[in-house]
Amino acid sequence: MTSPETDRLEQIEIRIAYLEQANAQLSDMVIQQRQELETVRARLATQLARIEAAQSQATVYTPEEEKPPHY
């Protein structure tokens, strides 16, 4: 027979083990999400740089060079 104190201690140890496992899983998830966020930020910065470059390189046409809208 086990004593109530032993049973209670065992239950606490089980809860601690579960919480440690959950904490490790959450930590792994946070690390993964941070890496994904860094990737998204880098891709966004690249796209913004492309947009800015495209806007700054706009070609200005004279009325003679401008194609009519139906071309």
PDB file of N, CA and C in Angstrom:
ATOM      1  N   MET A   1       0.821  -1.177   0.000  1.00  0.00           N
ATOM      2  CA  MET A   1       0.000   0.000   0.000  1.00  0.00           C
ATOM      3  C   MET A   1       0.872   1.250   0.000  1.00  0.00           C
ATOM      4  N   THR A   2       0.396   2.223  -0.728  1.00  0.00           N
ATOM      5  CA  THR A   2       1.139   3.481  -0.742  1.00  0.00           C
ATOM      6  C   THR A   2       0.426   4.490   0.140  1.00  0.00           C
ATOM      7  N   SER A   3       1.212   5.361   0.677  1.00  0.00           N
ATOM      8  CA  SER A   3       0.632   6.369   1.571  1.00  0.00           C
ATOM      9  C   SER A   3       0.050   7.517   0.730  1.00  0.00           C
ATOM     10  N   PRO A   4      -0.868   8.266   1.301  1.00  0.00           N
ATOM     11  CA  PRO A   4      -1.438   9.414   0.584  1.00  0.00           C
ATOM     12  C   PRO A   4      -0.370  10.441   0.195  1.00  0.00           C
ATOM     13  N   GLU A   5       0.643  10.569   1.031  1.00  0.00           N
ATOM     14  CA  GLU A   5       1.722  11.515   0.720  1.00  0.00           C
ATOM     15  C   GLU A   5       2.503  11.063  -0.510  1.00  0.00           C
ATOM     16  N   THR A   6       2.743   9.771  -0.600  1.00  0.00           N
ATOM     17  CA  THR A   6       3.458   9.222  -1.753  1.00  0.00           C
ATOM     18  C   THR A   6       2.637   9.397  -3.019  1.00  0.00           C
ATOM     19  N   ASP A   7       1.340   9.130  -2.930  1.00  0.00           N
ATOM     20  CA  ASP A   7       0.453   9.306  -4.081  1.00  0.00           C
ATOM     21  C   ASP A   7       0.438  10.768  -4.528  1.00  0.00           C
ATOM     22  N   ARG A   8       0.372  11.656  -3.555  1.00  0.00           N
ATOM     23  CA  ARG A   8       0.330  13.085  -3.883  1.00  0.00           C
ATOM     24  C   ARG A   8       1.642  13.516  -4.522  1.00  0.00           C
ATOM     25  N   LEU A   9       2.758  13.051  -3.995  1.00  0.00           N
ATOM     26  CA  LEU A   9       4.065  13.380  -4.554  1.00  0.00           C
ATOM     27  C   LEU A   9       4.187  12.838  -5.973  1.00  0.00           C
ATOM     28  N   GLU A  10       3.698  11.648  -6.208  1.00  0.00           N
ATOM     29  CA  GLU A  10       3.741  11.054  -7.536  1.00  0.00           C
ATOM     30  C   GLU A  10       2.899  11.874  -8.526  1.00  0.00           C
ATOM     31  N   GLN A  11       1.733  12.315  -8.093  1.00  0.00           N
ATOM     32  CA  GLN A  11       0.875  13.148  -8.944  1.00  0.00           C
ATOM     33  C   GLN A  11       1.561  14.475  -9.284  1.00  0.00           C
ATOM     34  N   ILE A  12       2.230  15.050  -8.302  1.00  0.00           N
ATOM     35  CA  ILE A  12       2.953  16.309  -8.540  1.00  0.00           C
ATOM     36  C   ILE A  12       4.087  16.086  -9.535  1.00  0.00           C
ATOM     37  N   GLU A  13       4.811  14.988  -9.384  1.00  0.00           N
ATOM     38  CA  GLU A  13       5.905  14.681 -10.309  1.00  0.00           C
ATOM     39  C   GLU A  13       5.370  14.470 -11.729  1.00  0.00           C
ATOM     40  N   ILE A  14       4.224  13.820 -11.860  1.00  0.00           N
ATOM     41  CA  ILE A  14       3.616  13.612 -13.172  1.00  0.00           C
ATOM     42  C   ILE A  14       3.231  14.955 -13.792  1.00  0.00           C
ATOM     43  N   ARG A  15       2.654  15.826 -13.001  1.00  0.00           N
ATOM     44  CA  ARG A  15       2.268  17.153 -13.502  1.00  0.00           C
ATOM     45  C   ARG A  15       3.489  17.951 -13.928  1.00  0.00           C
ATOM     46  N   ILE A  16       4.550  17.886 -13.135  1.00  0.00           N
ATOM     47  CA  ILE A  16       5.779  18.605 -13.479  1.00  0.00           C
ATOM     48  C   ILE A  16       6.351  18.073 -14.793  1.00  0.00           C
ATOM     49  N   ALA A  17       6.365  16.763 -14.950  1.00  0.00           N
ATOM     50  CA  ALA A  17       6.874  16.172 -16.189  1.00  0.00           C
ATOM     51  C   ALA A  17       6.039  16.628 -17.382  1.00  0.00           C
ATOM     52  N   TYR A  18       4.724  16.648 -17.214  1.00  0.00           N
ATOM     53  CA  TYR A  18       3.840  17.104 -18.294  1.00  0.00           C
ATOM     54  C   TYR A  18       4.109  18.571 -18.625  1.00  0.00           C
ATOM     55  N   LEU A  19       4.243  19.400 -17.604  1.00  0.00           N
ATOM     56  CA  LEU A  19       4.495  20.825 -17.827  1.00  0.00           C
ATOM     57  C   LEU A  19       5.852  21.063 -18.488  1.00  0.00           C
ATOM     58  N   GLU A  20       6.853  20.285 -18.110  1.00  0.00           N
ATOM     59  CA  GLU A  20       8.171  20.414 -18.739  1.00  0.00           C
ATOM     60  C   GLU A  20       8.092  20.052 -20.215  1.00  0.00           C
ATOM     61  N   GLN A  21       7.341  18.990 -20.529  1.00  0.00           N
ATOM     62  CA  GLN A  21       7.178  18.580 -21.922  1.00  0.00           C
ATOM     63  C   GLN A  21       6.422  19.656 -22.710  1.00  0.00           C
ATOM     64  N   ALA A  22       5.359  20.183 -22.133  1.00  0.00           N
ATOM     65  CA  ALA A  22       4.582  21.230 -22.803  1.00  0.00           C
ATOM     66  C   ALA A  22       5.441  22.479 -23.005  1.00  0.00           C
ATOM     67  N   ASN A  23       6.239  22.814 -22.003  1.00  0.00           N
ATOM     68  CA  ASN A  23       7.121  23.975 -22.109  1.00  0.00           C
ATOM     69  C   ASN A  23       8.140  23.783 -23.229  1.00  0.00           C
ATOM     70  N   ALA A  24       8.708  22.599 -23.348  1.00  0.00           N
ATOM     71  CA  ALA A  24       9.677  22.321 -24.410  1.00  0.00           C
ATOM     72  C   ALA A  24       9.013  22.414 -25.785  1.00  0.00           C
ATOM     73  N   GLN A  25       7.793  21.900 -25.910  1.00  0.00           N
ATOM     74  CA  GLN A  25       7.081  21.975 -27.184  1.00  0.00           C
ATOM     75  C   GLN A  25       6.774  23.419 -27.557  1.00  0.00           C
ATOM     76  N   LEU A  26       6.336  24.201 -26.591  1.00  0.00           N
ATOM     77  CA  LEU A  26       6.049  25.608 -26.861  1.00  0.00           C
ATOM     78  C   LEU A  26       7.310  26.373 -27.235  1.00  0.00           C
ATOM     79  N   SER A  27       8.399  26.061 -26.570  1.00  0.00           N
ATOM     80  CA  SER A  27       9.670  26.704 -26.884  1.00  0.00           C
ATOM     81  C   SER A  27      10.088  26.391 -28.320  1.00  0.00           C
ATOM     82  N   ASP A  28       9.965  25.130 -28.713  1.00  0.00           N
ATOM     83  CA  ASP A  28      10.289  24.747 -30.085  1.00  0.00           C
ATOM     84  C   ASP A  28       9.405  25.478 -31.092  1.00  0.00           C
ATOM     85  N   MET A  29       8.122  25.619 -30.747  1.00  0.00           N
ATOM     86  CA  MET A  29       7.190  26.297 -31.639  1.00  0.00           C
ATOM     87  C   MET A  29       7.546  27.784 -31.773  1.00  0.00           C
ATOM     88  N   VAL A  30       7.925  28.405 -30.671  1.00  0.00           N
ATOM     89  CA  VAL A  30       8.305  29.817 -30.707  1.00  0.00           C
ATOM     90  C   VAL A  30       9.556  29.995 -31.565  1.00  0.00           C
ATOM     91  N   ILE A  31      10.510  29.110 -31.433  1.00  0.00           N
ATOM     92  CA  ILE A  31      11.732  29.185 -32.238  1.00  0.00           C
ATOM     93  C   ILE A  31      11.386  29.048 -33.719  1.00  0.00           C
ATOM     94  N   GLN A  32      10.534  28.095 -34.055  1.00  0.00           N
ATOM     95  CA  GLN A  32      10.131  27.895 -35.444  1.00  0.00           C
ATOM     96  C   GLN A  32       9.406  29.125 -35.992  1.00  0.00           C
ATOM     97  N   GLN A  33       8.503  29.684 -35.216  1.00  0.00           N
ATOM     98  CA  GLN A  33       7.770  30.859 -35.668  1.00  0.00           C
ATOM     99  C   GLN A  33       8.688  32.064 -35.824  1.00  0.00           C
ATOM    100  N   ARG A  34       9.672  32.179 -34.962  1.00  0.00           N
ATOM    101  CA  ARG A  34      10.627  33.287 -35.093  1.00  0.00           C
ATOM    102  C   ARG A  34      11.423  33.156 -36.386  1.00  0.00           C
ATOM    103  N   GLN A  35      11.851  31.941 -36.709  1.00  0.00           N
ATOM    104  CA  GLN A  35      12.580  31.726 -37.952  1.00  0.00           C
ATOM    105  C   GLN A  35      11.706  32.050 -39.163  1.00  0.00           C
ATOM    106  N   GLU A  36      10.439  31.635 -39.116  1.00  0.00           N
ATOM    107  CA  GLU A  36       9.522  31.932 -40.210  1.00  0.00           C
ATOM    108  C   GLU A  36       9.297  33.434 -40.327  1.00  0.00           C
ATOM    109  N   LEU A  37       9.173  34.110 -39.204  1.00  0.00           N
ATOM    110  CA  LEU A  37       8.976  35.555 -39.214  1.00  0.00           C
ATOM    111  C   LEU A  37      10.192  36.262 -39.802  1.00  0.00           C
ATOM    112  N   GLU A  38      11.381  35.821 -39.446  1.00  0.00           N
ATOM    113  CA  GLU A  38      12.594  36.412 -40.004  1.00  0.00           C
ATOM    114  C   GLU A  38      12.647  36.205 -41.517  1.00  0.00           C
ATOM    115  N   THR A  39      12.230  35.031 -41.985  1.00  0.00           N
ATOM    116  CA  THR A  39      12.193  34.759 -43.419  1.00  0.00           C
ATOM    117  C   THR A  39      11.194  35.681 -44.111  1.00  0.00           C
ATOM    118  N   VAL A  40      10.023  35.834 -43.529  1.00  0.00           N
ATOM    119  CA  VAL A  40       8.997  36.700 -44.115  1.00  0.00           C
ATOM    120  C   VAL A  40       9.489  38.146 -44.137  1.00  0.00           C
ATOM    121  N   ARG A  41      10.124  38.588 -43.071  1.00  0.00           N
ATOM    122  CA  ARG A  41      10.647  39.962 -43.040  1.00  0.00           C
ATOM    123  C   ARG A  41      11.699  40.179 -44.120  1.00  0.00           C
ATOM    124  N   ALA A  42      12.573  39.207 -44.312  1.00  0.00           N
ATOM    125  CA  ALA A  42      13.612  39.335 -45.336  1.00  0.00           C
ATOM    126  C   ALA A  42      12.978  39.390 -46.730  1.00  0.00           C
ATOM    127  N   ARG A  43      11.985  38.541 -46.965  1.00  0.00           N
ATOM    128  CA  ARG A  43      11.311  38.552 -48.264  1.00  0.00           C
ATOM    129  C   ARG A  43      10.561  39.865 -48.486  1.00  0.00           C
ATOM    130  N   LEU A  44       9.957  40.385 -47.436  1.00  0.00           N
ATOM    131  CA  LEU A  44       9.252  41.661 -47.535  1.00  0.00           C
ATOM    132  C   LEU A  44      10.232  42.781 -47.858  1.00  0.00           C
ATOM    133  N   ALA A  45      11.371  42.787 -47.203  1.00  0.00           N
ATOM    134  CA  ALA A  45      12.381  43.813 -47.462  1.00  0.00           C
ATOM    135  C   ALA A  45      12.853  43.738 -48.913  1.00  0.00           C
ATOM    136  N   THR A  46      13.018  42.525 -49.425  1.00  0.00           N
ATOM    137  CA  THR A  46      13.427  42.344 -50.818  1.00  0.00           C
ATOM    138  C   THR A  46      12.362  42.888 -51.759  1.00  0.00           C
ATOM    139  N   GLN A  47      11.114  42.567 -51.490  1.00  0.00           N
ATOM    140  CA  GLN A  47      10.023  43.040 -52.343  1.00  0.00           C
ATOM    141  C   GLN A  47       9.897  44.563 -52.283  1.00  0.00           C
ATOM    142  N   LEU A  48      10.042  45.134 -51.101  1.00  0.00           N
ATOM    143  CA  LEU A  48       9.977  46.590 -50.988  1.00  0.00           C
ATOM    144  C   LEU A  48      11.117  47.251 -51.753  1.00  0.00           C
ATOM    145  N   ALA A  49      12.297  46.662 -51.693  1.00  0.00           N
ATOM    146  CA  ALA A  49      13.430  47.202 -52.442  1.00  0.00           C
ATOM    147  C   ALA A  49      13.155  47.132 -53.944  1.00  0.00           C
ATOM    148  N   ARG A  50      12.563  46.038 -54.407  1.00  0.00           N
ATOM    149  CA  ARG A  50      12.219  45.918 -55.834  1.00  0.00           C
ATOM    150  C   ARG A  50      11.193  46.962 -56.247  1.00  0.00           C
ATOM    151  N   ILE A  51      10.192  47.174 -55.387  1.00  0.00           N
ATOM    152  CA  ILE A  51       9.159  48.169 -55.703  1.00  0.00           C
ATOM    153  C   ILE A  51       9.769  49.565 -55.768  1.00  0.00           C
ATOM    154  N   GLU A  52      10.603  49.890 -54.797  1.00  0.00           N
ATOM    155  CA  GLU A  52      11.242  51.206 -54.791  1.00  0.00           C
ATOM    156  C   GLU A  52      12.142  51.378 -56.003  1.00  0.00           C
ATOM    157  N   ALA A  53      12.869  50.337 -56.369  1.00  0.00           N
ATOM    158  CA  ALA A  53      13.729  50.421 -57.544  1.00  0.00           C
ATOM    159  C   ALA A  53      12.901  50.599 -58.806  1.00  0.00           C
ATOM    160  N   ALA A  54      11.794  49.905 -58.912  1.00  0.00           N
ATOM    161  CA  ALA A  54      10.937  50.020 -60.088  1.00  0.00           C
ATOM    162  C   ALA A  54      10.317  51.414 -60.177  1.00  0.00           C
ATOM    163  N   GLN A  55       9.966  51.987 -59.046  1.00  0.00           N
ATOM    164  CA  GLN A  55       9.370  53.321 -59.046  1.00  0.00           C
ATOM    165  C   GLN A  55      10.388  54.393 -59.399  1.00  0.00           C
ATOM    166  N   SER A  56      11.612  54.208 -58.974  1.00  0.00           N
ATOM    167  CA  SER A  56      12.629  55.227 -59.241  1.00  0.00           C
ATOM    168  C   SER A  56      13.154  55.141 -60.667  1.00  0.00           C
ATOM    169  N   GLN A  57      12.917  54.039 -61.360  1.00  0.00           N
ATOM    170  CA  GLN A  57      13.411  53.869 -62.723  1.00  0.00           C
ATOM    171  C   GLN A  57      12.316  54.085 -63.761  1.00  0.00           C
ATOM    172  N   ALA A  58      11.288  54.805 -63.397  1.00  0.00           N
ATOM    173  CA  ALA A  58      10.198  55.027 -64.334  1.00  0.00           C
ATOM    174  C   ALA A  58      10.703  55.831 -65.527  1.00  0.00           C
ATOM    175  N   THR A  59      10.407  55.362 -66.715  1.00  0.00           N
ATOM    176  CA  THR A  59      10.841  56.017 -67.941  1.00  0.00           C
ATOM    177  C   THR A  59       9.834  57.096 -68.306  1.00  0.00           C
ATOM    178  N   VAL A  60      10.357  58.265 -68.601  1.00  0.00           N
ATOM    179  CA  VAL A  60       9.499  59.370 -69.011  1.00  0.00           C
ATOM    180  C   VAL A  60       9.557  59.461 -70.530  1.00  0.00           C
ATOM    181  N   TYR A  61       8.396  59.379 -71.137  1.00  0.00           N
ATOM    182  CA  TYR A  61       8.305  59.444 -72.594  1.00  0.00           C
ATOM    183  C   TYR A  61       7.807  60.819 -73.012  1.00  0.00           C
ATOM    184  N   THR A  62       8.309  61.251 -74.166  1.00  0.00           N
ATOM    185  CA  THR A  62       7.775  62.480 -74.751  1.00  0.00           C
ATOM    186  C   THR A  62       6.455  62.132 -75.421  1.00  0.00           C
ATOM    187  N   PRO A  63       5.632  63.109 -75.696  1.00  0.00           N
ATOM    188  CA  PRO A  63       4.352  62.808 -76.363  1.00  0.00           C
ATOM    189  C   PRO A  63       4.539  62.064 -77.693  1.00  0.00           C
ATOM    190  N   GLU A  64       5.631  62.297 -78.393  1.00  0.00           N
ATOM    191  CA  GLU A  64       5.882  61.613 -79.661  1.00  0.00           C
ATOM    192  C   GLU A  64       6.227  60.133 -79.441  1.00  0.00           C
ATOM    193  N   GLU A  65       6.887  59.825 -78.320  1.00  0.00           N
ATOM    194  CA  GLU A  65       7.283  58.453 -78.017  1.00  0.00           C
ATOM    195  C   GLU A  65       6.172  57.644 -77.362  1.00  0.00           C
ATOM    196  N   GLU A  66       5.233  58.347 -76.767  1.00  0.00           N
ATOM    197  CA  GLU A  66       4.143  57.689 -76.041  1.00  0.00           C
ATOM    198  C   GLU A  66       3.255  56.936 -77.012  1.00  0.00           C
ATOM    199  N   LYS A  67       2.997  55.646 -76.708  1.00  0.00           N
ATOM    200  CA  LYS A  67       2.106  54.851 -77.546  1.00  0.00           C
ATOM    201  C   LYS A  67       0.662  55.160 -77.168  1.00  0.00           C
ATOM    202  N   PRO A  68      -0.198  55.196 -78.136  1.00  0.00           N
ATOM    203  CA  PRO A  68      -1.616  55.397 -77.801  1.00  0.00           C
ATOM    204  C   PRO A  68      -2.123  54.224 -76.958  1.00  0.00           C
ATOM    205  N   PRO A  69      -3.164  54.442 -76.158  1.00  0.00           N
ATOM    206  CA  PRO A  69      -3.661  53.405 -75.265  1.00  0.00           C
ATOM    207  C   PRO A  69      -4.119  52.131 -75.959  1.00  0.00           C
ATOM    208  N   HIS A  70      -4.493  52.206 -77.234  1.00  0.00           N
ATOM    209  CA  HIS A  70      -4.982  51.006 -77.931  1.00  0.00           C
ATOM    210  C   HIS A  70      -3.869  50.112 -78.452  1.00  0.00           C
ATOM    211  N   TYR A  71      -2.606  50.456 -78.256  1.00  0.00           N
ATOM    212  CA  TYR A  71      -1.488  49.606 -78.701  1.00  0.00           C
ATOM    213  C   TYR A  71      -1.154  48.618 -77.656  1.00  0.00           C
TER     214      TYR A  71
END
